[in-house]
């Protein structure tokens, strides 16, 4: 798959006039991932995440997703400027921090009250991996 650098409006119009690739091109199942994890690594990752070991269909879907990410990673982005701001300013309400609430009006929040297991002033967290 070729990733195209777009520099002008006319190039954009020419680019979207005819399709140059399809999503199915990114899911080329004939090529395995370059560095697929072995079964032991997948089982270890699942155990660390608290998940069940992956089934064969889940492994196949995972390998397809890995291949998709590898194709995206192979795109040449050397002269593409990264996005630094994704949302429009009009959508985000302005926050006025010049006059904060007085301490008497700040609600008291005790995060330990939401914990199912605690000891004194500490959370108790179960270990998933030995």
N, C-alpha and C. Protein backbone atom coordinates (compact mmCIF):
# COMPACT_ATOMS: atom_id res chain seq x y z
N UNK A 1 0.84 -1.17 0.00
CA UNK A 1 0.00 0.00 0.00
C UNK A 1 0.88 1.23 0.00
N UNK A 2 0.53 2.22 -0.78
CA UNK A 2 1.28 3.48 -0.82
C UNK A 2 0.53 4.53 -0.02
N UNK A 3 1.23 5.19 0.86
CA UNK A 3 0.65 6.32 1.59
C UNK A 3 1.07 7.57 0.84
N UNK A 4 0.11 8.43 0.53
CA UNK A 4 0.37 9.59 -0.30
C UNK A 4 0.46 10.84 0.55
N UNK A 5 1.46 11.69 0.25
CA UNK A 5 1.57 12.99 0.90
C UNK A 5 0.74 13.98 0.11
N UNK A 6 -0.11 14.72 0.76
CA UNK A 6 -0.99 15.68 0.11
C UNK A 6 -0.53 17.07 0.50
N UNK A 7 -0.29 17.92 -0.51
CA UNK A 7 0.25 19.24 -0.21
C UNK A 7 -0.68 20.38 -0.57
N UNK A 8 -1.58 20.20 -1.53
CA UNK A 8 -2.42 21.32 -1.96
C UNK A 8 -3.87 20.87 -2.12
N UNK A 9 -4.77 21.86 -2.28
CA UNK A 9 -6.19 21.55 -2.46
C UNK A 9 -6.44 20.80 -3.76
N UNK A 10 -5.72 21.14 -4.81
CA UNK A 10 -5.92 20.42 -6.08
C UNK A 10 -5.48 18.97 -5.95
N UNK A 11 -4.41 18.72 -5.20
CA UNK A 11 -3.99 17.34 -4.98
C UNK A 11 -5.03 16.58 -4.15
N UNK A 12 -5.65 17.26 -3.20
CA UNK A 12 -6.70 16.62 -2.41
C UNK A 12 -7.87 16.25 -3.31
N UNK A 13 -8.28 17.17 -4.18
CA UNK A 13 -9.39 16.89 -5.10
C UNK A 13 -9.06 15.72 -6.01
N UNK A 14 -7.84 15.68 -6.53
CA UNK A 14 -7.43 14.56 -7.38
C UNK A 14 -7.37 13.26 -6.59
N UNK A 15 -6.94 13.34 -5.36
CA UNK A 15 -6.82 12.13 -4.54
C UNK A 15 -8.18 11.52 -4.23
N UNK A 16 -9.16 12.36 -3.88
CA UNK A 16 -10.47 11.80 -3.52
C UNK A 16 -11.35 11.52 -4.73
N UNK A 17 -10.91 11.92 -5.92
CA UNK A 17 -11.69 11.65 -7.12
C UNK A 17 -11.73 10.16 -7.43
N UNK A 18 -10.65 9.48 -7.22
CA UNK A 18 -10.61 8.03 -7.47
C UNK A 18 -9.98 7.34 -6.25
N UNK A 19 -10.54 6.20 -5.86
CA UNK A 19 -9.97 5.50 -4.71
C UNK A 19 -8.59 4.94 -5.04
N UNK A 20 -7.67 5.08 -4.11
CA UNK A 20 -6.31 4.56 -4.31
C UNK A 20 -6.05 3.31 -3.48
N UNK A 21 -6.91 3.04 -2.52
CA UNK A 21 -6.77 1.85 -1.70
C UNK A 21 -8.12 1.56 -1.05
N UNK A 22 -8.23 0.40 -0.48
CA UNK A 22 -9.45 0.00 0.23
C UNK A 22 -9.05 -0.50 1.62
N UNK A 23 -9.99 -0.47 2.52
CA UNK A 23 -9.73 -0.95 3.87
C UNK A 23 -9.28 -2.41 3.84
N UNK A 24 -9.83 -3.17 2.91
CA UNK A 24 -9.47 -4.59 2.82
C UNK A 24 -7.99 -4.77 2.49
N UNK A 25 -7.37 -3.77 1.83
CA UNK A 25 -5.94 -3.86 1.56
C UNK A 25 -5.13 -3.87 2.85
N UNK A 26 -5.63 -3.21 3.87
CA UNK A 26 -4.92 -3.15 5.14
C UNK A 26 -5.02 -4.45 5.92
N UNK A 27 -6.00 -5.27 5.58
CA UNK A 27 -6.18 -6.56 6.24
C UNK A 27 -5.73 -7.68 5.32
N UNK A 28 -4.48 -7.64 4.91
CA UNK A 28 -3.93 -8.67 4.03
C UNK A 28 -3.59 -9.89 4.88
N UNK A 29 -4.48 -10.86 4.89
CA UNK A 29 -4.31 -12.04 5.74
C UNK A 29 -3.26 -13.01 5.22
N UNK A 30 -2.81 -12.82 3.97
CA UNK A 30 -1.82 -13.74 3.43
C UNK A 30 -0.45 -13.50 4.07
N UNK A 31 -0.23 -12.30 4.58
CA UNK A 31 1.05 -11.99 5.22
C UNK A 31 0.90 -12.05 6.74
N UNK A 32 1.70 -12.86 7.40
CA UNK A 32 1.63 -12.89 8.87
C UNK A 32 2.30 -11.65 9.45
N UNK A 33 2.02 -11.32 10.70
CA UNK A 33 2.71 -10.20 11.34
C UNK A 33 4.22 -10.45 11.35
N UNK A 34 5.00 -9.38 11.31
CA UNK A 34 6.46 -9.52 11.25
C UNK A 34 7.02 -10.16 12.52
N UNK A 35 6.49 -9.77 13.66
CA UNK A 35 6.97 -10.30 14.94
C UNK A 35 5.78 -10.76 15.77
N UNK A 36 5.14 -11.86 15.39
CA UNK A 36 3.96 -12.29 16.16
C UNK A 36 4.38 -12.84 17.52
N UNK A 37 3.60 -12.54 18.55
CA UNK A 37 3.91 -13.11 19.87
C UNK A 37 3.56 -14.60 19.88
N UNK A 38 4.32 -15.37 20.64
CA UNK A 38 4.00 -16.80 20.72
C UNK A 38 2.87 -17.03 21.73
N UNK A 39 2.40 -18.26 21.81
CA UNK A 39 1.25 -18.59 22.66
C UNK A 39 1.54 -18.30 24.13
N UNK A 40 2.78 -18.57 24.58
CA UNK A 40 3.12 -18.31 25.98
C UNK A 40 3.03 -16.82 26.31
N UNK A 41 3.50 -15.98 25.38
CA UNK A 41 3.42 -14.53 25.61
C UNK A 41 1.98 -14.06 25.67
N UNK A 42 1.14 -14.58 24.77
CA UNK A 42 -0.27 -14.19 24.77
C UNK A 42 -0.95 -14.62 26.07
N UNK A 43 -0.67 -15.84 26.52
CA UNK A 43 -1.26 -16.32 27.77
C UNK A 43 -0.78 -15.49 28.96
N UNK A 44 0.50 -15.13 28.97
CA UNK A 44 1.05 -14.31 30.05
C UNK A 44 0.40 -12.92 30.06
N UNK A 45 0.24 -12.32 28.88
CA UNK A 45 -0.41 -11.00 28.80
C UNK A 45 -1.86 -11.08 29.25
N UNK A 46 -2.55 -12.15 28.87
CA UNK A 46 -3.95 -12.32 29.28
C UNK A 46 -4.03 -12.46 30.80
N UNK A 47 -3.13 -13.23 31.38
CA UNK A 47 -3.13 -13.43 32.83
C UNK A 47 -2.84 -12.11 33.55
N UNK A 48 -1.89 -11.34 33.03
CA UNK A 48 -1.55 -10.05 33.65
C UNK A 48 -2.73 -9.08 33.56
N UNK A 49 -3.53 -9.20 32.51
CA UNK A 49 -4.69 -8.32 32.33
C UNK A 49 -5.92 -8.83 33.04
N UNK A 50 -5.84 -10.02 33.63
CA UNK A 50 -7.00 -10.59 34.31
C UNK A 50 -8.02 -11.15 33.33
N UNK A 51 -7.57 -11.55 32.14
CA UNK A 51 -8.46 -12.07 31.11
C UNK A 51 -8.27 -13.57 30.95
N UNK A 52 -9.24 -14.20 30.31
CA UNK A 52 -9.10 -15.62 29.98
C UNK A 52 -8.09 -15.77 28.85
N UNK A 53 -7.43 -16.94 28.78
CA UNK A 53 -6.51 -17.16 27.66
C UNK A 53 -7.26 -17.04 26.33
N UNK A 54 -6.62 -16.46 25.31
CA UNK A 54 -7.31 -16.24 24.04
C UNK A 54 -7.62 -17.54 23.31
N UNK A 55 -8.80 -17.57 22.68
CA UNK A 55 -9.18 -18.73 21.87
C UNK A 55 -8.52 -18.60 20.50
N UNK A 56 -8.68 -19.63 19.67
CA UNK A 56 -8.08 -19.60 18.33
C UNK A 56 -8.65 -18.48 17.48
N UNK A 57 -9.96 -18.23 17.58
CA UNK A 57 -10.55 -17.14 16.79
C UNK A 57 -10.06 -15.79 17.28
N UNK A 58 -9.87 -15.67 18.60
CA UNK A 58 -9.34 -14.41 19.14
C UNK A 58 -7.89 -14.20 18.68
N UNK A 59 -7.11 -15.29 18.64
CA UNK A 59 -5.73 -15.17 18.17
C UNK A 59 -5.69 -14.74 16.71
N UNK A 60 -6.57 -15.30 15.89
CA UNK A 60 -6.61 -14.94 14.47
C UNK A 60 -6.97 -13.46 14.32
N UNK A 61 -7.96 -13.00 15.08
CA UNK A 61 -8.34 -11.59 15.03
C UNK A 61 -7.19 -10.71 15.52
N UNK A 62 -6.48 -11.16 16.54
CA UNK A 62 -5.35 -10.41 17.07
C UNK A 62 -4.24 -10.29 16.03
N UNK A 63 -3.94 -11.38 15.33
CA UNK A 63 -2.91 -11.33 14.29
C UNK A 63 -3.32 -10.40 13.15
N UNK A 64 -4.61 -10.40 12.80
CA UNK A 64 -5.10 -9.48 11.77
C UNK A 64 -4.93 -8.03 12.23
N UNK A 65 -5.23 -7.77 13.49
CA UNK A 65 -5.07 -6.41 14.01
C UNK A 65 -3.60 -6.01 14.05
N UNK A 66 -2.72 -6.95 14.41
CA UNK A 66 -1.28 -6.66 14.40
C UNK A 66 -0.81 -6.31 12.99
N UNK A 67 -1.27 -7.08 12.02
CA UNK A 67 -0.89 -6.82 10.62
C UNK A 67 -1.39 -5.45 10.19
N UNK A 68 -2.61 -5.09 10.57
CA UNK A 68 -3.18 -3.78 10.25
C UNK A 68 -2.31 -2.66 10.83
N UNK A 69 -1.91 -2.81 12.08
CA UNK A 69 -1.07 -1.79 12.72
C UNK A 69 0.29 -1.70 12.03
N UNK A 70 0.85 -2.84 11.63
CA UNK A 70 2.14 -2.83 10.94
C UNK A 70 2.05 -2.10 9.61
N UNK A 71 0.95 -2.29 8.87
CA UNK A 71 0.77 -1.59 7.60
C UNK A 71 0.69 -0.09 7.85
N UNK A 72 -0.05 0.32 8.87
CA UNK A 72 -0.13 1.74 9.19
C UNK A 72 1.23 2.29 9.62
N UNK A 73 1.96 1.50 10.36
CA UNK A 73 3.28 1.94 10.84
C UNK A 73 4.27 2.11 9.68
N UNK A 74 4.08 1.37 8.60
CA UNK A 74 4.98 1.45 7.45
C UNK A 74 4.76 2.69 6.59
N UNK A 75 3.70 3.44 6.84
CA UNK A 75 3.43 4.66 6.06
C UNK A 75 4.52 5.69 6.31
N UNK A 76 4.93 6.36 5.24
CA UNK A 76 5.94 7.41 5.34
C UNK A 76 5.29 8.69 5.82
N UNK A 77 5.63 9.11 7.02
CA UNK A 77 5.05 10.33 7.60
C UNK A 77 6.14 11.35 7.92
N UNK A 78 7.25 11.31 7.19
CA UNK A 78 8.38 12.16 7.52
C UNK A 78 8.07 13.65 7.39
N UNK A 79 7.29 14.04 6.40
CA UNK A 79 7.01 15.47 6.20
C UNK A 79 5.60 15.86 6.62
N UNK A 80 4.94 15.02 7.39
CA UNK A 80 3.59 15.31 7.85
C UNK A 80 3.68 15.90 9.24
N UNK A 81 3.05 17.05 9.42
CA UNK A 81 3.07 17.72 10.71
C UNK A 81 2.07 17.05 11.65
N UNK A 82 2.48 16.70 12.87
CA UNK A 82 1.56 16.03 13.79
C UNK A 82 0.45 16.96 14.26
N UNK A 83 -0.69 16.37 14.57
CA UNK A 83 -1.82 17.13 15.09
C UNK A 83 -1.52 17.49 16.53
N UNK A 84 -1.61 18.78 16.83
CA UNK A 84 -1.36 19.20 18.21
C UNK A 84 -2.64 19.57 18.94
N UNK A 85 -3.70 19.81 18.19
CA UNK A 85 -4.97 20.18 18.79
C UNK A 85 -6.07 19.51 17.98
N UNK A 86 -6.91 18.74 18.63
CA UNK A 86 -7.89 17.95 17.90
C UNK A 86 -9.30 18.51 18.00
N UNK A 87 -9.60 19.31 19.00
CA UNK A 87 -10.96 19.81 19.20
C UNK A 87 -11.05 21.28 18.86
N UNK A 88 -12.23 21.69 18.47
CA UNK A 88 -12.46 23.10 18.19
C UNK A 88 -12.62 23.85 19.50
N UNK A 89 -12.09 25.06 19.53
CA UNK A 89 -12.18 25.85 20.76
C UNK A 89 -13.61 26.22 21.10
N UNK A 90 -14.47 26.33 20.08
CA UNK A 90 -15.85 26.72 20.33
C UNK A 90 -16.60 25.65 21.13
N UNK A 91 -16.17 24.41 21.03
CA UNK A 91 -16.85 23.31 21.71
C UNK A 91 -16.52 23.30 23.20
N UNK A 92 -15.30 23.67 23.54
CA UNK A 92 -14.84 23.61 24.93
C UNK A 92 -15.24 24.89 25.64
N UNK A 93 -16.00 24.79 26.72
CA UNK A 93 -16.36 26.01 27.46
C UNK A 93 -15.13 26.58 28.16
N UNK A 94 -15.10 27.87 28.26
CA UNK A 94 -13.98 28.51 28.95
C UNK A 94 -14.12 28.30 30.45
N UNK A 95 -13.01 28.04 31.10
CA UNK A 95 -12.99 27.85 32.54
C UNK A 95 -12.34 29.08 33.16
N UNK A 96 -13.04 29.67 34.08
CA UNK A 96 -12.52 30.86 34.75
C UNK A 96 -11.94 30.44 36.09
N UNK A 97 -10.62 30.43 36.18
CA UNK A 97 -9.96 30.02 37.42
C UNK A 97 -9.47 31.22 38.23
N UNK A 98 -9.91 32.41 37.86
CA UNK A 98 -9.45 33.59 38.58
C UNK A 98 -10.06 33.66 39.98
N UNK A 99 -11.28 33.16 40.14
CA UNK A 99 -11.92 33.21 41.44
C UNK A 99 -12.31 31.79 41.88
N UNK A 100 -11.38 31.07 42.50
CA UNK A 100 -11.71 29.71 42.94
C UNK A 100 -12.71 29.74 44.09
N UNK A 101 -13.34 28.58 44.30
CA UNK A 101 -14.30 28.47 45.41
C UNK A 101 -13.58 28.61 46.74
N UNK A 102 -14.24 29.21 47.72
CA UNK A 102 -13.66 29.21 49.07
C UNK A 102 -13.61 27.77 49.61
N UNK A 103 -12.66 27.50 50.45
CA UNK A 103 -12.48 26.14 50.97
C UNK A 103 -13.72 25.61 51.66
N UNK A 104 -14.53 26.47 52.22
CA UNK A 104 -15.75 26.03 52.89
C UNK A 104 -16.80 25.51 51.90
N UNK A 105 -16.70 25.90 50.63
CA UNK A 105 -17.67 25.46 49.63
C UNK A 105 -17.19 24.26 48.82
N UNK A 106 -15.95 23.85 49.01
CA UNK A 106 -15.43 22.69 48.29
C UNK A 106 -15.96 21.44 48.95
N UNK A 107 -16.63 20.56 48.20
CA UNK A 107 -17.19 19.35 48.82
C UNK A 107 -16.07 18.42 49.30
N UNK A 108 -16.34 17.76 50.41
CA UNK A 108 -15.36 16.83 50.96
C UNK A 108 -15.46 15.51 50.21
N UNK A 109 -14.33 15.01 49.78
CA UNK A 109 -14.31 13.78 49.01
C UNK A 109 -13.36 12.80 49.67
N UNK A 110 -13.87 11.64 49.98
CA UNK A 110 -13.06 10.61 50.62
C UNK A 110 -13.03 9.39 49.70
N UNK A 111 -11.99 9.25 48.90
CA UNK A 111 -11.94 8.14 47.95
C UNK A 111 -11.90 6.77 48.62
N UNK A 112 -11.40 6.69 49.84
CA UNK A 112 -11.36 5.39 50.52
C UNK A 112 -12.76 4.86 50.83
N UNK A 113 -13.75 5.73 50.89
CA UNK A 113 -15.12 5.28 51.13
C UNK A 113 -15.65 4.44 49.97
N UNK A 114 -15.04 4.56 48.80
CA UNK A 114 -15.49 3.82 47.62
C UNK A 114 -14.76 2.49 47.47
N UNK A 115 -13.78 2.23 48.30
CA UNK A 115 -13.00 1.01 48.20
C UNK A 115 -13.70 -0.13 48.93
N UNK A 116 -13.72 -1.30 48.30
CA UNK A 116 -14.34 -2.46 48.94
C UNK A 116 -13.43 -3.05 50.02
N UNK A 117 -12.10 -2.89 49.86
CA UNK A 117 -11.17 -3.39 50.87
C UNK A 117 -10.16 -2.30 51.18
N UNK A 118 -10.00 -2.03 52.47
CA UNK A 118 -9.04 -1.02 52.89
C UNK A 118 -8.50 -1.40 54.27
N UNK A 119 -7.36 -0.84 54.59
CA UNK A 119 -6.74 -1.04 55.89
C UNK A 119 -6.22 0.32 56.33
N UNK A 120 -6.79 0.83 57.40
CA UNK A 120 -6.44 2.16 57.90
C UNK A 120 -6.71 3.17 56.79
N UNK A 121 -5.70 3.86 56.32
CA UNK A 121 -5.88 4.86 55.26
C UNK A 121 -5.30 4.38 53.93
N UNK A 122 -5.29 3.05 53.69
CA UNK A 122 -4.70 2.50 52.48
C UNK A 122 -5.68 1.57 51.77
N UNK A 123 -5.63 1.57 50.44
CA UNK A 123 -6.37 0.61 49.64
C UNK A 123 -5.69 -0.74 49.73
N UNK A 124 -6.47 -1.81 49.61
CA UNK A 124 -5.91 -3.15 49.49
C UNK A 124 -6.17 -3.59 48.07
N UNK A 125 -5.10 -3.90 47.34
CA UNK A 125 -5.20 -4.30 45.94
C UNK A 125 -4.71 -5.73 45.83
N UNK A 126 -5.54 -6.60 45.22
CA UNK A 126 -5.15 -7.99 45.02
C UNK A 126 -4.18 -8.07 43.85
N UNK A 127 -3.20 -8.94 43.96
CA UNK A 127 -2.26 -9.17 42.87
C UNK A 127 -2.84 -10.19 41.91
N UNK A 128 -2.83 -9.88 40.62
CA UNK A 128 -3.34 -10.82 39.62
C UNK A 128 -2.26 -11.76 39.13
N UNK A 129 -1.02 -11.34 39.22
CA UNK A 129 0.10 -12.14 38.74
C UNK A 129 1.06 -12.37 39.89
N UNK A 130 1.46 -13.60 40.06
CA UNK A 130 2.42 -13.91 41.14
C UNK A 130 3.82 -13.55 40.72
